[in-house]
Amino acid sequence: MLRIAMLSYHTCPLATLGGKDTGGMNVYIRDLTRQLGRMDIHVDVFTRSQNEHVPHILHDLGFGNRVVHIPAGEEVPLPKKKLAEHIPDFVAGIQQFAAEKNLRYDVIHSHYWMSGIAGAMLKDAWGIPIVHMFHTLGAMKNRIARNAEEREGPYRVDGEKQVIARADRLIVATPAEKSQLQFLYGAHASKMVIIPPGVDTEHFYPIPEDEARAYIGVSPDDCMGLFVGRIEPLKGIDTLMKAVSMMGMHDAKHPFYVAIIGGEPHVAPEEMTQEMAHLQALCDELCVGQMALF
């Protein structure tokens, strides 16, 4: 049986979705692991333990797969810069687990740059290949950062460069991500493969368009765009809102609507995240009635 050591150092695929560090990557790892299990490929997902009261080994992803919480530093949520200091402890814990279980893995599949650093250490120890996926890039975030607080430190960009150099294969979700890795990091195209994320068709499926429009109160003749995701500057939601505002102004009879699903728009202004407050103000400023935050 093929065995994969899946690394998700800073966040657990079983964590509740919607937080700052619990989004699409968690869903990706969770569903990829389940699918690999269906294909009779065994996966152990290693993640840093953030709660001493959660069992260190869980079997919630089915098909014989495991989620293994490795103590590395204090078992509480930590800021990402602090997390980087405990990567060697994380690697040691994985090696200890594998030795105690008498396991040999065939490949390492790491996600996000800190997991990639851990994966490179395990590659040296085990002599097996590493496949890596970044999900987000520090250099790309810095290009759109609006202030110093939103910028990633040099330690992350340097770490990403190390992972690119050590990985045997880089998985990217889109041609745009491939171009970013080439332009910003000098990654070789021969090392990258584009694999678009899939869709859970048991959860997302089409219904008749007229029924969908009637349900949300949109006229059959109006156009509508939809954004679903975490509310953060990297997503470029403000750019989408400005574009939709410009499009809507050209056809007052049939405006172009956009629905933005994410965040908590109905909390008190002082409790909103900075980005949520920014988007709410922008929505009011651009064109009330054409946009809706949910």
C-alpha atoms as a PDB file:
ATOM      1  CA  MET A   1       0.000   0.000   0.000  1.00  0.00           C
ATOM      2  CA  LEU A   2       1.265   3.468  -0.905  1.00  0.00           C
ATOM      3  CA  ARG A   3       1.737   5.637   2.179  1.00  0.00           C
ATOM      4  CA  ILE A   4       1.765   9.431   2.192  1.00  0.00           C
ATOM      5  CA  ALA A   5       2.936  11.717   5.002  1.00  0.00           C
ATOM      6  CA  MET A   6       0.695  14.780   4.559  1.00  0.00           C
ATOM      7  CA  LEU A   7       2.010  17.862   6.365  1.00  0.00           C
ATOM      8  CA  SER A   8      -0.268  20.680   7.492  1.00  0.00           C
ATOM      9  CA  TYR A   9       1.850  22.240  10.198  1.00  0.00           C
ATOM     10  CA  HIS A  10       0.048  25.466  11.103  1.00  0.00           C
ATOM     11  CA  THR A  11      -3.592  24.412  10.744  1.00  0.00           C
ATOM     12  CA  CYS A  12      -5.589  21.214  11.142  1.00  0.00           C
ATOM     13  CA  PRO A  13      -7.931  19.984   8.392  1.00  0.00           C
ATOM     14  CA  LEU A  14     -10.464  19.127  11.096  1.00  0.00           C
ATOM     15  CA  ALA A  15     -10.583  22.691  12.475  1.00  0.00           C
ATOM     16  CA  THR A  16     -13.782  24.730  12.285  1.00  0.00           C
ATOM     17  CA  LEU A  17     -13.804  26.657   9.013  1.00  0.00           C
ATOM     18  CA  GLY A  18     -14.033  30.427   8.680  1.00  0.00           C
ATOM     19  CA  GLY A  19     -11.179  31.667  10.865  1.00  0.00           C
ATOM     20  CA  LYS A  20      -8.093  33.539   9.740  1.00  0.00           C
ATOM     21  CA  ASP A  21      -6.120  30.321   9.282  1.00  0.00           C
ATOM     22  CA  THR A  22      -8.974  27.906   8.556  1.00  0.00           C
ATOM     23  CA  GLY A  23     -10.157  28.234   5.004  1.00  0.00           C
ATOM     24  CA  GLY A  24      -9.733  26.647   1.607  1.00  0.00           C
ATOM     25  CA  MET A  25      -6.490  24.859   2.420  1.00  0.00           C
ATOM     26  CA  ASN A  26      -8.181  22.950   5.238  1.00  0.00           C
ATOM     27  CA  VAL A  27     -10.959  21.825   2.901  1.00  0.00           C
ATOM     28  CA  TYR A  28      -8.412  20.901   0.225  1.00  0.00           C
ATOM     29  CA  ILE A  29      -6.346  18.699   2.552  1.00  0.00           C
ATOM     30  CA  ARG A  30      -9.409  17.132   4.151  1.00  0.00           C
ATOM     31  CA  ASP A  31     -11.077  16.146   0.889  1.00  0.00           C
ATOM     32  CA  LEU A  32      -7.838  15.159  -0.854  1.00  0.00           C
ATOM     33  CA  THR A  33      -7.035  12.821   2.031  1.00  0.00           C
ATOM     34  CA  ARG A  34     -10.472  11.231   1.864  1.00  0.00           C
ATOM     35  CA  GLN A  35     -10.203  10.728  -1.892  1.00  0.00           C
ATOM     36  CA  LEU A  36      -6.754   9.165  -1.600  1.00  0.00           C
ATOM     37  CA  GLY A  37      -8.198   6.819   1.016  1.00  0.00           C
ATOM     38  CA  ARG A  38     -10.921   5.767  -1.434  1.00  0.00           C
ATOM     39  CA  MET A  39      -8.117   4.899  -3.856  1.00  0.00           C
ATOM     40  CA  ASP A  40      -6.545   2.593  -1.242  1.00  0.00           C
ATOM     41  CA  ILE A  41      -3.710   5.047  -0.552  1.00  0.00           C
ATOM     42  CA  HIS A  42      -3.028   5.477   3.147  1.00  0.00           C
ATOM     43  CA  VAL A  43      -2.523   9.021   4.420  1.00  0.00           C
ATOM     44  CA  ASP A  44      -1.308  10.278   7.776  1.00  0.00           C
ATOM     45  CA  VAL A  45      -1.952  14.014   8.112  1.00  0.00           C
ATOM     46  CA  PHE A  46       0.524  15.561  10.540  1.00  0.00           C
ATOM     47  CA  THR A  47      -0.406  18.874  12.141  1.00  0.00           C
ATOM     48  CA  ARG A  48       0.838  20.820  15.150  1.00  0.00           C
ATOM     49  CA  SER A  49      -1.176  20.181  18.311  1.00  0.00           C
ATOM     50  CA  GLN A  50      -2.949  23.370  19.410  1.00  0.00           C
ATOM     51  CA  ASN A  51      -5.054  21.910  22.213  1.00  0.00           C
ATOM     52  CA  GLU A  52      -3.767  19.454  24.799  1.00  0.00           C
ATOM     53  CA  HIS A  53      -7.330  18.209  25.369  1.00  0.00           C
ATOM     54  CA  VAL A  54      -7.754  17.003  21.761  1.00  0.00           C
ATOM     55  CA  PRO A  55      -6.592  13.401  21.227  1.00  0.00           C
ATOM     56  CA  HIS A  56      -3.271  13.304  19.404  1.00  0.00           C
ATOM     57  CA  ILE A  57      -4.523  10.670  16.946  1.00  0.00           C
ATOM     58  CA  LEU A  58      -7.914  10.982  15.252  1.00  0.00           C
ATOM     59  CA  HIS A  59      -9.539   8.830  12.564  1.00  0.00           C
ATOM     60  CA  ASP A  60     -12.087  11.364  11.327  1.00  0.00           C
ATOM     61  CA  LEU A  61     -11.045  11.290   7.654  1.00  0.00           C
ATOM     62  CA  GLY A  62     -12.035   7.666   7.091  1.00  0.00           C
ATOM     63  CA  PHE A  63     -10.552   4.881   4.968  1.00  0.00           C
ATOM     64  CA  GLY A  64      -7.854   4.115   7.549  1.00  0.00           C
ATOM     65  CA  ASN A  65      -6.423   7.644   7.370  1.00  0.00           C
ATOM     66  CA  ARG A  66      -5.225   9.415  10.493  1.00  0.00           C
ATOM     67  CA  VAL A  67      -4.835  12.999  11.662  1.00  0.00           C
ATOM     68  CA  VAL A  68      -1.850  13.080  14.006  1.00  0.00           C
ATOM     69  CA  HIS A  69      -1.461  16.098  16.279  1.00  0.00           C
ATOM     70  CA  ILE A  70       2.230  16.545  17.066  1.00  0.00           C
ATOM     71  CA  PRO A  71       3.189  18.614  20.141  1.00  0.00           C
ATOM     72  CA  ALA A  72       5.635  21.301  19.018  1.00  0.00           C
ATOM     73  CA  GLY A  73       5.897  24.179  21.420  1.00  0.00           C
ATOM     74  CA  GLU A  74       3.058  25.076  23.750  1.00  0.00           C
ATOM     75  CA  GLU A  75      -0.200  23.363  22.725  1.00  0.00           C
ATOM     76  CA  VAL A  76      -2.082  26.596  22.050  1.00  0.00           C
ATOM     77  CA  PRO A  77      -2.591  28.733  18.919  1.00  0.00           C
ATOM     78  CA  LEU A  78       0.558  30.741  18.204  1.00  0.00           C
ATOM     79  CA  PRO A  79       1.359  33.592  15.782  1.00  0.00           C
ATOM     80  CA  LYS A  80       2.917  32.338  12.547  1.00  0.00           C
ATOM     81  CA  LYS A  81       6.282  33.982  13.188  1.00  0.00           C
ATOM     82  CA  LYS A  82       6.483  32.134  16.503  1.00  0.00           C
ATOM     83  CA  LEU A  83       5.341  28.897  14.855  1.00  0.00           C
ATOM     84  CA  ALA A  84       8.403  28.832  12.606  1.00  0.00           C
ATOM     85  CA  GLU A  85      10.614  28.376  15.679  1.00  0.00           C
ATOM     86  CA  HIS A  86       9.010  25.019  16.508  1.00  0.00           C
ATOM     87  CA  ILE A  87       9.325  23.317  13.106  1.00  0.00           C
ATOM     88  CA  PRO A  88      12.311  21.165  14.230  1.00  0.00           C
ATOM     89  CA  ASP A  89      10.245  19.879  17.189  1.00  0.00           C
ATOM     90  CA  PHE A  90       7.416  19.075  14.782  1.00  0.00           C
ATOM     91  CA  VAL A  91       9.771  17.104  12.543  1.00  0.00           C
ATOM     92  CA  ALA A  92      11.200  15.197  15.513  1.00  0.00           C
ATOM     93  CA  GLY A  93       7.690  14.297  16.632  1.00  0.00           C
ATOM     94  CA  ILE A  94       6.787  12.929  13.208  1.00  0.00           C
ATOM     95  CA  GLN A  95       9.946  10.838  13.117  1.00  0.00           C
ATOM     96  CA  GLN A  96       9.182   9.473  16.559  1.00  0.00           C
ATOM     97  CA  PHE A  97       5.622   8.569  15.523  1.00  0.00           C
ATOM     98  CA  ALA A  98       6.821   6.785  12.390  1.00  0.00           C
ATOM     99  CA  ALA A  99       9.468   4.868  14.354  1.00  0.00           C
ATOM    100  CA  GLU A 100       7.028   3.788  17.069  1.00  0.00           C
ATOM    101  CA  LYS A 101       4.506   2.607  14.456  1.00  0.00           C
ATOM    102  CA  ASN A 102       7.255   1.018  12.339  1.00  0.00           C
ATOM    103  CA  LEU A 103       6.067   2.966   9.288  1.00  0.00           C
ATOM    104  CA  ARG A 104       7.824   3.861   6.072  1.00  0.00           C
ATOM    105  CA  TYR A 105       6.299   6.521   3.870  1.00  0.00           C
ATOM    106  CA  ASP A 106       6.655   6.649   0.090  1.00  0.00           C
ATOM    107  CA  VAL A 107       6.172  10.374  -0.418  1.00  0.00           C
ATOM    108  CA  ILE A 108       5.803  13.597   1.581  1.00  0.00           C
ATOM    109  CA  HIS A 109       3.013  15.984   0.548  1.00  0.00           C
ATOM    110  CA  SER A 110       3.381  19.361   2.292  1.00  0.00           C
ATOM    111  CA  HIS A 111       1.060  22.365   2.303  1.00  0.00           C
ATOM    112  CA  TYR A 112       2.040  26.006   2.976  1.00  0.00           C
ATOM    113  CA  TRP A 113       5.653  27.075   3.321  1.00  0.00           C
ATOM    114  CA  MET A 114       6.260  26.042   6.961  1.00  0.00           C
ATOM    115  CA  SER A 115       5.132  22.505   6.191  1.00  0.00           C
ATOM    116  CA  GLY A 116       7.500  22.616   3.222  1.00  0.00           C
ATOM    117  CA  ILE A 117      10.419  23.422   5.524  1.00  0.00           C
ATOM    118  CA  ALA A 118       9.431  20.469   7.702  1.00  0.00           C
ATOM    119  CA  GLY A 119       9.065  18.310   4.603  1.00  0.00           C
ATOM    120  CA  ALA A 120      12.587  19.150   3.453  1.00  0.00           C
ATOM    121  CA  MET A 121      13.956  18.009   6.825  1.00  0.00           C
ATOM    122  CA  LEU A 122      12.026  14.749   6.589  1.00  0.00           C
ATOM    123  CA  LYS A 123      13.209  14.285   3.015  1.00  0.00           C
ATOM    124  CA  ASP A 124      16.799  14.389   4.269  1.00  0.00           C
ATOM    125  CA  ALA A 125      16.020  11.925   7.059  1.00  0.00           C
ATOM    126  CA  TRP A 126      13.924   9.474   5.049  1.00  0.00           C
ATOM    127  CA  GLY A 127      15.347   9.821   1.545  1.00  0.00           C
ATOM    128  CA  ILE A 128      11.937  10.108  -0.142  1.00  0.00           C
ATOM    129  CA  PRO A 129      10.515  12.739  -2.525  1.00  0.00           C
ATOM    130  CA  ILE A 130       8.498  15.761  -1.452  1.00  0.00           C
ATOM    131  CA  VAL A 131       5.517  17.213  -3.295  1.00  0.00           C
ATOM    132  CA  HIS A 132       4.554  20.705  -2.173  1.00  0.00           C
ATOM    133  CA  MET A 133       1.653  23.129  -2.584  1.00  0.00           C
ATOM    134  CA  PHE A 134       1.931  26.715  -1.306  1.00  0.00           C
ATOM    135  CA  HIS A 135      -1.743  27.815  -1.438  1.00  0.00           C
ATOM    136  CA  THR A 136      -0.617  31.442  -0.848  1.00  0.00           C
ATOM    137  CA  LEU A 137       2.672  33.219  -1.513  1.00  0.00           C
ATOM    138  CA  GLY A 138       4.349  35.787   0.726  1.00  0.00           C
ATOM    139  CA  ALA A 139       5.812  37.804  -2.142  1.00  0.00           C
ATOM    140  CA  MET A 140       2.395  38.036  -3.793  1.00  0.00           C
ATOM    141  CA  LYS A 141       0.764  39.196  -0.560  1.00  0.00           C
ATOM    142  CA  ASN A 142       3.426  41.889  -0.202  1.00  0.00           C
ATOM    143  CA  ARG A 143       2.684  43.213  -3.683  1.00  0.00           C
ATOM    144  CA  ILE A 144      -0.893  44.070  -2.669  1.00  0.00           C
ATOM    145  CA  ALA A 145      -0.302  44.975   0.998  1.00  0.00           C
ATOM    146  CA  ARG A 146      -1.709  48.385   1.894  1.00  0.00           C
ATOM    147  CA  ASN A 147       0.335  48.913   5.046  1.00  0.00           C
ATOM    148  CA  ALA A 148       3.227  47.449   7.041  1.00  0.00           C
ATOM    149  CA  GLU A 149       0.913  45.267   9.139  1.00  0.00           C
ATOM    150  CA  GLU A 150      -0.286  43.393   6.055  1.00  0.00           C
ATOM    151  CA  ARG A 151       3.226  42.671   4.783  1.00  0.00           C
ATOM    152  CA  GLU A 152       4.912  39.317   5.331  1.00  0.00           C
ATOM    153  CA  GLY A 153       8.389  39.314   6.851  1.00  0.00           C
ATOM    154  CA  PRO A 154      11.526  38.288   4.923  1.00  0.00           C
ATOM    155  CA  TYR A 155      11.615  35.044   6.916  1.00  0.00           C
ATOM    156  CA  ARG A 156       8.575  33.763   5.006  1.00  0.00           C
ATOM    157  CA  VAL A 157       9.757  34.695   1.512  1.00  0.00           C
ATOM    158  CA  ASP A 158      13.188  33.212   2.267  1.00  0.00           C
ATOM    159  CA  GLY A 159      11.494  30.069   3.555  1.00  0.00           C
ATOM    160  CA  GLU A 160       9.413  29.774   0.399  1.00  0.00           C
ATOM    161  CA  LYS A 161      12.550  30.018  -1.718  1.00  0.00           C
ATOM    162  CA  GLN A 162      14.092  27.168   0.288  1.00  0.00           C
ATOM    163  CA  VAL A 163      11.007  25.010  -0.259  1.00  0.00           C
ATOM    164  CA  ILE A 164      11.029  25.692  -4.014  1.00  0.00           C
ATOM    165  CA  ALA A 165      14.659  24.588  -4.161  1.00  0.00           C
ATOM    166  CA  ARG A 166      14.090  21.381  -2.170  1.00  0.00           C
ATOM    167  CA  ALA A 167      10.716  20.181  -3.490  1.00  0.00           C
ATOM    168  CA  ASP A 168      10.723  17.485  -6.152  1.00  0.00           C
ATOM    169  CA  ARG A 169       7.415  18.716  -7.528  1.00  0.00           C
ATOM    170  CA  LEU A 170       5.337  21.864  -6.997  1.00  0.00           C
ATOM    171  CA  ILE A 171       1.567  21.640  -7.404  1.00  0.00           C
ATOM    172  CA  VAL A 172      -0.112  24.885  -8.469  1.00  0.00           C
ATOM    173  CA  ALA A 173      -3.834  25.465  -8.780  1.00  0.00           C
ATOM    174  CA  THR A 174      -3.839  27.863 -11.743  1.00  0.00           C
ATOM    175  CA  PRO A 175      -1.652  29.120 -14.603  1.00  0.00           C
ATOM    176  CA  ALA A 176      -1.538  32.460 -12.762  1.00  0.00           C
ATOM    177  CA  GLU A 177       0.046  30.820  -9.711  1.00  0.00           C
ATOM    178  CA  LYS A 178       2.596  29.138 -11.948  1.00  0.00           C
ATOM    179  CA  SER A 179       3.481  32.505 -13.474  1.00  0.00           C
ATOM    180  CA  GLN A 180       3.814  34.079 -10.030  1.00  0.00           C
ATOM    181  CA  LEU A 181       6.248  31.389  -8.913  1.00  0.00           C
ATOM    182  CA  GLN A 182       8.292  31.871 -12.061  1.00  0.00           C
ATOM    183  CA  PHE A 183       8.289  35.690 -11.986  1.00  0.00           C
ATOM    184  CA  LEU A 184       8.625  36.307  -8.235  1.00  0.00           C
ATOM    185  CA  TYR A 185      10.742  33.311  -7.194  1.00  0.00           C
ATOM    186  CA  GLY A 186      12.482  32.101 -10.341  1.00  0.00           C
ATOM    187  CA  ALA A 187      10.912  28.630 -10.058  1.00  0.00           C
ATOM    188  CA  HIS A 188      11.497  26.317 -13.018  1.00  0.00           C
ATOM    189  CA  ALA A 189       8.427  25.426 -15.080  1.00  0.00           C
ATOM    190  CA  SER A 190       9.637  21.820 -15.325  1.00  0.00           C
ATOM    191  CA  LYS A 191       9.157  21.415 -11.564  1.00  0.00           C
ATOM    192  CA  MET A 192       5.525  22.586 -11.580  1.00  0.00           C
ATOM    193  CA  VAL A 193       2.286  20.858 -12.508  1.00  0.00           C
ATOM    194  CA  ILE A 194      -1.112  22.572 -12.658  1.00  0.00           C
ATOM    195  CA  ILE A 195      -3.872  20.644 -10.865  1.00  0.00           C
ATOM    196  CA  PRO A 196      -7.045  22.736 -10.418  1.00  0.00           C
ATOM    197  CA  PRO A 197      -8.959  22.190  -7.166  1.00  0.00           C
ATOM    198  CA  GLY A 198     -12.029  19.992  -7.476  1.00  0.00           C
ATOM    199  CA  VAL A 199     -15.657  20.545  -6.488  1.00  0.00           C
ATOM    200  CA  ASP A 200     -17.710  18.486  -4.061  1.00  0.00           C
ATOM    201  CA  THR A 201     -20.686  17.786  -6.307  1.00  0.00           C
ATOM    202  CA  GLU A 202     -22.647  16.279  -3.419  1.00  0.00           C
ATOM    203  CA  HIS A 203     -22.539  19.687  -1.727  1.00  0.00           C
ATOM    204  CA  PHE A 204     -22.490  22.018  -4.742  1.00  0.00           C
ATOM    205  CA  TYR A 205     -24.829  21.261  -7.616  1.00  0.00           C
ATOM    206  CA  PRO A 206     -26.945  23.302 -10.046  1.00  0.00           C
ATOM    207  CA  ILE A 207     -30.662  23.927  -9.752  1.00  0.00           C
ATOM    208  CA  PRO A 208     -32.844  25.541 -12.453  1.00  0.00           C
ATOM    209  CA  GLU A 209     -31.704  29.131 -12.998  1.00  0.00           C
ATOM    210  CA  ASP A 210     -35.184  30.636 -12.753  1.00  0.00           C
ATOM    211  CA  GLU A 211     -35.762  28.924  -9.403  1.00  0.00           C
ATOM    212  CA  ALA A 212     -32.386  30.077  -8.078  1.00  0.00           C
ATOM    213  CA  ARG A 213     -33.063  33.675  -9.111  1.00  0.00           C
ATOM    214  CA  ALA A 214     -36.547  33.619  -7.610  1.00  0.00           C
ATOM    215  CA  TYR A 215     -35.182  32.277  -4.329  1.00  0.00           C
ATOM    216  CA  ILE A 216     -32.725  35.167  -3.863  1.00  0.00           C
ATOM    217  CA  GLY A 217     -34.954  37.825  -5.416  1.00  0.00           C
ATOM    218  CA  VAL A 218     -32.997  38.630  -8.573  1.00  0.00           C
ATOM    219  CA  SER A 219     -34.851  39.477 -11.782  1.00  0.00           C
ATOM    220  CA  PRO A 220     -34.384  37.059 -14.728  1.00  0.00           C
ATOM    221  CA  ASP A 221     -32.972  39.940 -16.792  1.00  0.00           C
ATOM    222  CA  ASP A 222     -30.390  41.139 -14.261  1.00  0.00           C
ATOM    223  CA  CYS A 223     -26.779  39.971 -14.082  1.00  0.00           C
ATOM    224  CA  MET A 224     -25.203  38.764 -10.878  1.00  0.00           C
ATOM    225  CA  GLY A 225     -21.725  37.855  -9.703  1.00  0.00           C
ATOM    226  CA  LEU A 226     -20.896  35.881  -6.571  1.00  0.00           C
ATOM    227  CA  PHE A 227     -17.908  35.838  -4.232  1.00  0.00           C
ATOM    228  CA  VAL A 228     -17.643  33.257  -1.453  1.00  0.00           C
ATOM    229  CA  GLY A 229     -14.606  33.174   0.801  1.00  0.00           C
ATOM    230  CA  ARG A 230     -12.709  34.679   3.679  1.00  0.00           C
ATOM    231  CA  ILE A 231     -12.675  38.457   3.905  1.00  0.00           C
ATOM    232  CA  GLU A 232      -9.071  39.560   3.556  1.00  0.00           C
ATOM    233  CA  PRO A 233      -7.107  41.976   1.320  1.00  0.00           C
ATOM    234  CA  LEU A 234      -5.449  39.171  -0.673  1.00  0.00           C
ATOM    235  CA  LYS A 235      -8.813  38.192  -2.176  1.00  0.00           C
ATOM    236  CA  GLY A 236      -9.161  41.520  -4.023  1.00  0.00           C
ATOM    237  CA  ILE A 237     -12.819  41.961  -3.114  1.00  0.00           C
ATOM    238  CA  ASP A 238     -12.526  45.751  -3.213  1.00  0.00           C
ATOM    239  CA  THR A 239     -11.373  45.530  -6.837  1.00  0.00           C
ATOM    240  CA  LEU A 240     -14.389  43.344  -7.659  1.00  0.00           C
ATOM    241  CA  MET A 241     -16.738  45.830  -5.996  1.00  0.00           C
ATOM    242  CA  LYS A 242     -15.299  48.790  -7.903  1.00  0.00           C
ATOM    243  CA  ALA A 243     -15.542  46.898 -11.199  1.00  0.00           C
ATOM    244  CA  VAL A 244     -19.156  45.900 -10.558  1.00  0.00           C
ATOM    245  CA  SER A 245     -20.009  49.472  -9.620  1.00  0.00           C
ATOM    246  CA  MET A 246     -18.657  50.686 -12.963  1.00  0.00           C
ATOM    247  CA  MET A 247     -20.531  47.987 -14.881  1.00  0.00           C
ATOM    248  CA  GLY A 248     -23.812  48.694 -13.124  1.00  0.00           C
ATOM    249  CA  MET A 249     -23.716  52.381 -13.947  1.00  0.00           C
ATOM    250  CA  HIS A 250     -23.979  51.653 -17.673  1.00  0.00           C
ATOM    251  CA  ASP A 251     -27.355  49.931 -17.457  1.00  0.00           C
ATOM    252  CA  ALA A 252     -29.695  51.352 -14.859  1.00  0.00           C
ATOM    253  CA  LYS A 253     -32.571  49.205 -16.123  1.00  0.00           C
ATOM    254  CA  HIS A 254     -30.743  45.922 -15.623  1.00  0.00           C
ATOM    255  CA  PRO A 255     -27.910  46.507 -13.109  1.00  0.00           C
ATOM    256  CA  PHE A 256     -25.092  44.076 -12.429  1.00  0.00           C
ATOM    257  CA  TYR A 257     -25.338  42.763  -8.882  1.00  0.00           C
ATOM    258  CA  VAL A 258     -22.667  41.094  -6.784  1.00  0.00           C
ATOM    259  CA  ALA A 259     -23.199  39.067  -3.625  1.00  0.00           C
ATOM    260  CA  ILE A 260     -20.267  38.729  -1.231  1.00  0.00           C
ATOM    261  CA  ILE A 261     -20.628  35.869   1.214  1.00  0.00           C
ATOM    262  CA  GLY A 262     -18.135  35.852   4.067  1.00  0.00           C
ATOM    263  CA  GLY A 263     -17.229  37.629   7.276  1.00  0.00           C
ATOM    264  CA  GLU A 264     -19.735  39.039   9.744  1.00  0.00           C
ATOM    265  CA  PRO A 265     -21.373  42.139   8.248  1.00  0.00           C
ATOM    266  CA  HIS A 266     -24.028  42.548  10.915  1.00  0.00           C
ATOM    267  CA  VAL A 267     -21.801  42.886  13.971  1.00  0.00           C
ATOM    268  CA  ALA A 268     -21.194  46.277  15.539  1.00  0.00           C
ATOM    269  CA  PRO A 269     -18.683  48.444  13.601  1.00  0.00           C
ATOM    270  CA  GLU A 270     -16.175  48.319  16.448  1.00  0.00           C
ATOM    271  CA  GLU A 271     -16.215  44.495  16.314  1.00  0.00           C
ATOM    272  CA  MET A 272     -15.667  44.208  12.549  1.00  0.00           C
ATOM    273  CA  THR A 273     -12.333  43.169  11.149  1.00  0.00           C
ATOM    274  CA  GLN A 274     -10.436  45.962   9.445  1.00  0.00           C
ATOM    275  CA  GLU A 275     -11.062  44.508   5.983  1.00  0.00           C
ATOM    276  CA  MET A 276     -14.754  43.879   6.643  1.00  0.00           C
ATOM    277  CA  ALA A 277     -15.234  47.466   7.797  1.00  0.00           C
ATOM    278  CA  HIS A 278     -13.333  48.699   4.730  1.00  0.00           C
ATOM    279  CA  LEU A 279     -15.577  46.721   2.369  1.00  0.00           C
ATOM    280  CA  GLN A 280     -18.758  47.773   4.155  1.00  0.00           C
ATOM    281  CA  ALA A 281     -17.777  51.419   3.824  1.00  0.00           C
ATOM    282  CA  LEU A 282     -16.836  50.916   0.183  1.00  0.00           C
ATOM    283  CA  CYS A 283     -20.193  49.258  -0.491  1.00  0.00           C
ATOM    284  CA  ASP A 284     -22.012  52.269   0.961  1.00  0.00           C
ATOM    285  CA  GLU A 285     -19.809  54.686  -0.957  1.00  0.00           C
ATOM    286  CA  LEU A 286     -20.013  53.096  -4.410  1.00  0.00           C
ATOM    287  CA  CYS A 287     -23.635  52.261  -5.043  1.00  0.00           C
ATOM    288  CA  VAL A 288     -26.087  51.275  -2.342  1.00  0.00           C
ATOM    289  CA  GLY A 289     -28.414  48.538  -3.480  1.00  0.00           C
ATOM    290  CA  GLN A 290     -26.204  46.955  -6.124  1.00  0.00           C
ATOM    291  CA  MET A 291     -24.022  45.056  -3.697  1.00  0.00           C
ATOM    292  CA  ALA A 292     -24.823  42.903  -0.725  1.00  0.00           C
ATOM    293  CA  LEU A 293     -22.561  41.587   1.997  1.00  0.00           C
ATOM    294  CA  PHE A 294     -23.726  38.387   3.697  1.00  0.00           C
END
